Amino acid sequence: MECRSGIDADIVEFEVRQGAAVTRKMIGKLAMPSDAVICGIVRDGESYIATDDFEIQTEDRVVVVALPNAIPAVERLFH
């Protein structure tokens, strides 16, 4: 394990709302900012690693790592 310091990234968890843009496409087809990555999903108490063919659903909890400048665009996909 290696820890990195000096990286200005945020780890954000979103609860997916009904009708959110992220529920309309598989992760690999989402218009995610280049400075953001969907890392994992929690659904019904089960954890999943984000893959391009995973479909996010309403009420999923999604963990995203992003640079601060990308957060507003990521928030728009989840709301």
Protein backbone atom coordinates (compact mmCIF):
# COMPACT_ATOMS: atom_id res chain seq x y z
CA MET A 1 0.00 0.00 0.00
CA GLU A 2 1.23 3.44 -0.84
CA CYS A 3 -0.30 6.71 0.31
CA ARG A 4 -0.06 9.80 -1.84
CA SER A 5 0.07 13.28 -0.40
CA GLY A 6 -0.28 16.49 -2.32
CA ILE A 7 -3.12 15.17 -4.48
CA ASP A 8 -6.07 17.54 -4.41
CA ALA A 9 -8.79 14.96 -5.18
CA ASP A 10 -12.04 14.55 -3.28
CA ILE A 11 -13.88 11.31 -2.50
CA VAL A 12 -17.60 11.92 -2.78
CA GLU A 13 -20.55 9.58 -2.16
CA PHE A 14 -23.82 10.20 -3.97
CA GLU A 15 -27.23 8.68 -3.33
CA VAL A 16 -28.83 8.30 -6.74
CA ARG A 17 -32.16 10.05 -7.15
CA GLN A 18 -34.99 8.91 -9.38
CA GLY A 19 -34.54 10.26 -12.90
CA ALA A 20 -30.82 11.04 -12.46
CA ALA A 21 -28.81 11.02 -15.68
CA VAL A 22 -26.53 8.28 -14.33
CA THR A 23 -29.44 5.82 -14.41
CA ARG A 24 -29.94 6.16 -18.16
CA LYS A 25 -26.69 4.63 -19.44
CA MET A 26 -24.05 2.11 -18.46
CA ILE A 27 -21.08 3.64 -16.63
CA GLY A 28 -18.84 3.38 -19.69
CA LYS A 29 -21.27 5.47 -21.74
CA LEU A 30 -21.73 8.29 -19.18
CA ALA A 31 -20.37 11.75 -19.97
CA MET A 32 -18.12 11.82 -16.91
CA PRO A 33 -15.60 14.65 -16.67
CA SER A 34 -12.05 13.48 -17.40
CA ASP A 35 -11.05 14.55 -13.87
CA ALA A 36 -13.55 12.17 -12.19
CA VAL A 37 -13.88 8.40 -11.81
CA ILE A 38 -16.76 6.29 -10.50
CA CYS A 39 -15.03 3.80 -8.21
CA GLY A 40 -17.74 1.76 -6.52
CA ILE A 41 -21.44 1.25 -5.93
CA VAL A 42 -23.41 0.04 -2.92
CA ARG A 43 -26.80 -1.49 -3.74
CA ASP A 44 -29.02 -3.17 -1.16
CA GLY A 45 -26.06 -3.59 1.20
CA GLU A 46 -23.85 -5.24 -1.46
CA SER A 47 -20.69 -3.53 -2.76
CA TYR A 48 -19.68 -3.53 -6.42
CA ILE A 49 -16.59 -2.33 -8.27
CA ALA A 50 -17.58 0.09 -11.03
CA THR A 51 -17.13 -1.39 -14.50
CA ASP A 52 -18.03 0.03 -17.90
CA ASP A 53 -21.02 -2.33 -18.26
CA PHE A 54 -22.50 -1.65 -14.81
CA GLU A 55 -25.88 0.11 -14.74
CA ILE A 56 -26.46 2.48 -11.81
CA GLN A 57 -29.97 2.39 -10.35
CA THR A 58 -32.10 4.73 -8.24
CA GLU A 59 -31.15 4.57 -4.54
CA ASP A 60 -27.67 3.19 -5.27
CA ARG A 61 -24.85 4.85 -3.33
CA VAL A 62 -21.99 5.70 -5.67
CA VAL A 63 -18.41 6.59 -4.70
CA VAL A 64 -16.61 9.02 -7.00
CA VAL A 65 -13.03 10.30 -6.86
CA ALA A 66 -12.73 13.70 -8.53
CA LEU A 67 -10.65 16.81 -8.71
CA PRO A 68 -12.49 19.80 -7.23
CA ASN A 69 -13.06 21.44 -10.62
CA ALA A 70 -15.01 18.35 -11.80
CA ILE A 71 -17.41 18.12 -8.85
CA PRO A 72 -20.14 20.45 -10.27
CA ALA A 73 -20.38 18.44 -13.51
CA VAL A 74 -20.49 15.16 -11.57
CA GLU A 75 -23.22 16.53 -9.29
CA ARG A 76 -25.36 17.34 -12.33
CA LEU A 77 -25.24 13.68 -13.41
CA PHE A 78 -26.51 12.54 -10.02
CA HIS A 79 -29.30 15.09 -9.48
